[in-house]
Amino acid sequence: MKTSLVLLALSLLACSVWKIHGHRQEVDPDDQEVVEAKPKKCMEQQLKGTCWVCKWALNKVKKSISASSSQEELKQKLLSVCDNVGFLKSMCKGLVKRHLWVLIEELSTSDDVRTICVNIKACKPKEVLDLTY
């Protein structure tokens, strides 16, 4: 009886530690390589937030520029747009800094903001969204 209680307590402790750290490992059966996996829900939620931030920021910038805006003007607007997004400010700044030159190029085209965000992989393509339902 004591042994089973100890084993139960150790199992609960191990599960708690695993849950707190949020890491798990998967083994590829072909080559037995250990790969760290991220939970799908966290990735989906991060993608949703990233997509919203991307579309919000690019809409703000697109509304404030003209067809004759220079690359330097686009750069300044992109770097400053995230200051007004609230608690997603760091996510926004990271996204803009990571894709700054691509965003400058894309904003010079006639693409809509959703297409631009899909191109930088901040949003899922429409076909993928249709398949998930």
C-alpha atoms as a PDB file:
ATOM      1  CA  MET A   1       0.000   0.000   0.000  1.00  0.00           C
ATOM      2  CA  LYS A   2       2.816   2.415   0.915  1.00  0.00           C
ATOM      3  CA  THR A   3       4.637   1.630  -2.326  1.00  0.00           C
ATOM      4  CA  SER A   4       1.581   2.398  -4.468  1.00  0.00           C
ATOM      5  CA  LEU A   5       1.038   5.719  -2.656  1.00  0.00           C
ATOM      6  CA  VAL A   6       4.660   6.672  -3.237  1.00  0.00           C
ATOM      7  CA  LEU A   7       4.414   5.739  -6.918  1.00  0.00           C
ATOM      8  CA  LEU A   8       1.179   7.728  -7.245  1.00  0.00           C
ATOM      9  CA  ALA A   9       2.770  10.768  -5.596  1.00  0.00           C
ATOM     10  CA  LEU A  10       5.837  10.532  -7.856  1.00  0.00           C
ATOM     11  CA  SER A  11       3.628  10.203 -10.935  1.00  0.00           C
ATOM     12  CA  LEU A  12       1.633  13.288  -9.976  1.00  0.00           C
ATOM     13  CA  LEU A  13       4.838  15.209  -9.326  1.00  0.00           C
ATOM     14  CA  ALA A  14       6.275  14.199 -12.705  1.00  0.00           C
ATOM     15  CA  CYS A  15       3.061  15.220 -14.493  1.00  0.00           C
ATOM     16  CA  SER A  16       3.039  18.557 -12.675  1.00  0.00           C
ATOM     17  CA  VAL A  17       6.623  19.309 -13.666  1.00  0.00           C
ATOM     18  CA  TRP A  18       5.883  18.335 -17.269  1.00  0.00           C
ATOM     19  CA  LYS A  19       2.767  20.535 -17.325  1.00  0.00           C
ATOM     20  CA  ILE A  20       4.569  23.526 -15.785  1.00  0.00           C
ATOM     21  CA  HIS A  21       7.434  23.405 -18.258  1.00  0.00           C
ATOM     22  CA  GLY A  22       5.141  22.635 -21.195  1.00  0.00           C
ATOM     23  CA  HIS A  23       7.769  20.597 -22.994  1.00  0.00           C
ATOM     24  CA  ARG A  24       7.492  17.147 -24.369  1.00  0.00           C
ATOM     25  CA  GLN A  25       9.698  15.116 -26.607  1.00  0.00           C
ATOM     26  CA  GLU A  26       8.759  12.990 -29.570  1.00  0.00           C
ATOM     27  CA  VAL A  27      10.900  10.253 -31.054  1.00  0.00           C
ATOM     28  CA  ASP A  28      10.945   9.831 -34.810  1.00  0.00           C
ATOM     29  CA  PRO A  29      10.499   6.049 -35.316  1.00  0.00           C
ATOM     30  CA  ASP A  30      12.695   6.009 -38.442  1.00  0.00           C
ATOM     31  CA  ASP A  31      15.906   7.383 -36.997  1.00  0.00           C
ATOM     32  CA  GLN A  32      15.210   7.469 -33.255  1.00  0.00           C
ATOM     33  CA  GLU A  33      16.044  11.180 -33.139  1.00  0.00           C
ATOM     34  CA  VAL A  34      14.535  13.038 -30.207  1.00  0.00           C
ATOM     35  CA  VAL A  35      12.610  16.126 -31.311  1.00  0.00           C
ATOM     36  CA  GLU A  36      11.125  18.700 -28.955  1.00  0.00           C
ATOM     37  CA  ALA A  37       7.474  19.337 -29.746  1.00  0.00           C
ATOM     38  CA  LYS A  38       5.345  22.371 -28.978  1.00  0.00           C
ATOM     39  CA  PRO A  39       1.690  21.947 -28.135  1.00  0.00           C
ATOM     40  CA  LYS A  40      -0.532  22.719 -31.144  1.00  0.00           C
ATOM     41  CA  LYS A  41      -2.944  24.928 -29.210  1.00  0.00           C
ATOM     42  CA  CYS A  42      -0.191  27.347 -28.185  1.00  0.00           C
ATOM     43  CA  MET A  43       1.038  27.597 -31.757  1.00  0.00           C
ATOM     44  CA  GLU A  44      -2.489  28.208 -33.080  1.00  0.00           C
ATOM     45  CA  GLN A  45      -3.172  30.891 -30.476  1.00  0.00           C
ATOM     46  CA  GLN A  46       0.162  32.558 -31.217  1.00  0.00           C
ATOM     47  CA  LEU A  47      -0.642  32.494 -34.933  1.00  0.00           C
ATOM     48  CA  LYS A  48      -4.056  34.090 -34.362  1.00  0.00           C
ATOM     49  CA  GLY A  49      -2.531  36.910 -32.318  1.00  0.00           C
ATOM     50  CA  THR A  50       0.269  37.374 -34.810  1.00  0.00           C
ATOM     51  CA  CYS A  51      -2.175  37.496 -37.713  1.00  0.00           C
ATOM     52  CA  TRP A  52      -4.353  40.096 -35.994  1.00  0.00           C
ATOM     53  CA  VAL A  53      -1.336  42.250 -35.105  1.00  0.00           C
ATOM     54  CA  CYS A  54       0.030  42.025 -38.636  1.00  0.00           C
ATOM     55  CA  LYS A  55      -3.257  43.049 -40.252  1.00  0.00           C
ATOM     56  CA  TRP A  56      -3.845  45.826 -37.706  1.00  0.00           C
ATOM     57  CA  ALA A  57      -0.370  47.336 -38.152  1.00  0.00           C
ATOM     58  CA  LEU A  58      -0.374  47.143 -41.936  1.00  0.00           C
ATOM     59  CA  ASN A  59      -3.868  48.662 -42.155  1.00  0.00           C
ATOM     60  CA  LYS A  60      -2.679  51.608 -40.043  1.00  0.00           C
ATOM     61  CA  VAL A  61       0.421  52.101 -42.193  1.00  0.00           C
ATOM     62  CA  LYS A  62      -1.455  51.686 -45.491  1.00  0.00           C
ATOM     63  CA  LYS A  63      -3.983  54.352 -44.473  1.00  0.00           C
ATOM     64  CA  SER A  64      -1.225  56.825 -43.630  1.00  0.00           C
ATOM     65  CA  ILE A  65       0.898  56.504 -46.776  1.00  0.00           C
ATOM     66  CA  SER A  66       0.487  57.591 -50.366  1.00  0.00           C
ATOM     67  CA  ALA A  67       1.493  55.899 -53.601  1.00  0.00           C
ATOM     68  CA  SER A  68       4.568  58.110 -53.756  1.00  0.00           C
ATOM     69  CA  SER A  69       5.840  57.320 -50.232  1.00  0.00           C
ATOM     70  CA  SER A  70       9.561  56.622 -50.065  1.00  0.00           C
ATOM     71  CA  GLN A  71      11.111  53.507 -48.553  1.00  0.00           C
ATOM     72  CA  GLU A  72      12.477  55.600 -45.698  1.00  0.00           C
ATOM     73  CA  GLU A  73       8.996  56.965 -44.935  1.00  0.00           C
ATOM     74  CA  LEU A  74       7.550  53.435 -44.979  1.00  0.00           C
ATOM     75  CA  LYS A  75      10.338  52.259 -42.664  1.00  0.00           C
ATOM     76  CA  GLN A  76       9.634  55.030 -40.135  1.00  0.00           C
ATOM     77  CA  LYS A  77       5.889  54.388 -40.193  1.00  0.00           C
ATOM     78  CA  LEU A  78       6.368  50.636 -39.752  1.00  0.00           C
ATOM     79  CA  LEU A  79       8.775  51.105 -36.840  1.00  0.00           C
ATOM     80  CA  SER A  80       6.421  53.499 -35.054  1.00  0.00           C
ATOM     81  CA  VAL A  81       3.031  51.864 -35.728  1.00  0.00           C
ATOM     82  CA  CYS A  82       3.421  49.316 -32.906  1.00  0.00           C
ATOM     83  CA  ASP A  83       3.561  52.015 -30.224  1.00  0.00           C
ATOM     84  CA  ASN A  84      -0.260  52.231 -30.240  1.00  0.00           C
ATOM     85  CA  VAL A  85      -1.223  48.557 -30.164  1.00  0.00           C
ATOM     86  CA  GLY A  86      -1.343  48.127 -26.375  1.00  0.00           C
ATOM     87  CA  PHE A  87      -0.371  44.857 -24.722  1.00  0.00           C
ATOM     88  CA  LEU A  88       0.630  43.256 -28.055  1.00  0.00           C
ATOM     89  CA  LYS A  89       3.297  45.917 -28.593  1.00  0.00           C
ATOM     90  CA  SER A  90       6.284  43.570 -28.212  1.00  0.00           C
ATOM     91  CA  MET A  91       4.769  40.987 -30.578  1.00  0.00           C
ATOM     92  CA  CYS A  92       4.104  43.730 -33.114  1.00  0.00           C
ATOM     93  CA  LYS A  93       7.615  45.218 -32.860  1.00  0.00           C
ATOM     94  CA  GLY A  94       9.195  41.773 -33.220  1.00  0.00           C
ATOM     95  CA  LEU A  95       7.118  41.015 -36.301  1.00  0.00           C
ATOM     96  CA  VAL A  96       7.940  44.359 -37.933  1.00  0.00           C
ATOM     97  CA  LYS A  97      11.669  44.146 -37.162  1.00  0.00           C
ATOM     98  CA  ARG A  98      11.896  40.551 -38.378  1.00  0.00           C
ATOM     99  CA  HIS A  99      10.176  41.321 -41.702  1.00  0.00           C
ATOM    100  CA  LEU A 100      10.924  45.041 -42.121  1.00  0.00           C
ATOM    101  CA  TRP A 101      12.377  45.009 -45.646  1.00  0.00           C
ATOM    102  CA  VAL A 102       9.835  42.522 -46.960  1.00  0.00           C
ATOM    103  CA  LEU A 103       7.021  44.651 -45.514  1.00  0.00           C
ATOM    104  CA  ILE A 104       8.462  47.782 -47.147  1.00  0.00           C
ATOM    105  CA  GLU A 105       8.545  45.997 -50.510  1.00  0.00           C
ATOM    106  CA  GLU A 106       5.078  44.513 -50.083  1.00  0.00           C
ATOM    107  CA  LEU A 107       3.528  47.844 -49.068  1.00  0.00           C
ATOM    108  CA  SER A 108       4.821  49.280 -52.335  1.00  0.00           C
ATOM    109  CA  THR A 109       2.632  46.812 -54.258  1.00  0.00           C
ATOM    110  CA  SER A 110      -1.130  46.708 -54.628  1.00  0.00           C
ATOM    111  CA  ASP A 111      -1.493  43.616 -52.384  1.00  0.00           C
ATOM    112  CA  ASP A 112      -4.010  43.829 -49.569  1.00  0.00           C
ATOM    113  CA  VAL A 113      -2.831  43.508 -45.963  1.00  0.00           C
ATOM    114  CA  ARG A 114      -4.098  39.934 -45.566  1.00  0.00           C
ATOM    115  CA  THR A 115      -2.043  38.802 -48.578  1.00  0.00           C
ATOM    116  CA  ILE A 116       1.037  40.537 -47.191  1.00  0.00           C
ATOM    117  CA  CYS A 117       0.550  38.890 -43.787  1.00  0.00           C
ATOM    118  CA  VAL A 118       0.139  35.474 -45.439  1.00  0.00           C
ATOM    119  CA  ASN A 119       3.320  36.088 -47.462  1.00  0.00           C
ATOM    120  CA  ILE A 120       5.348  36.660 -44.280  1.00  0.00           C
ATOM    121  CA  LYS A 121       3.592  33.680 -42.649  1.00  0.00           C
ATOM    122  CA  ALA A 122       1.907  35.742 -39.937  1.00  0.00           C
ATOM    123  CA  CYS A 123      -1.477  34.471 -41.154  1.00  0.00           C
ATOM    124  CA  LYS A 124      -2.577  31.144 -42.576  1.00  0.00           C
ATOM    125  CA  PRO A 125      -3.571  31.045 -46.237  1.00  0.00           C
ATOM    126  CA  LYS A 126      -7.323  30.952 -46.911  1.00  0.00           C
ATOM    127  CA  GLU A 127      -7.161  27.349 -48.193  1.00  0.00           C
ATOM    128  CA  VAL A 128      -5.657  26.137 -44.909  1.00  0.00           C
ATOM    129  CA  LEU A 129      -8.335  27.957 -42.913  1.00  0.00           C
ATOM    130  CA  ASP A 130     -11.069  26.287 -44.964  1.00  0.00           C
ATOM    131  CA  LEU A 131      -9.599  22.823 -44.326  1.00  0.00           C
ATOM    132  CA  THR A 132      -9.516  23.253 -40.544  1.00  0.00           C
ATOM    133  CA  TYR A 133     -13.296  23.388 -40.194  1.00  0.00           C
END
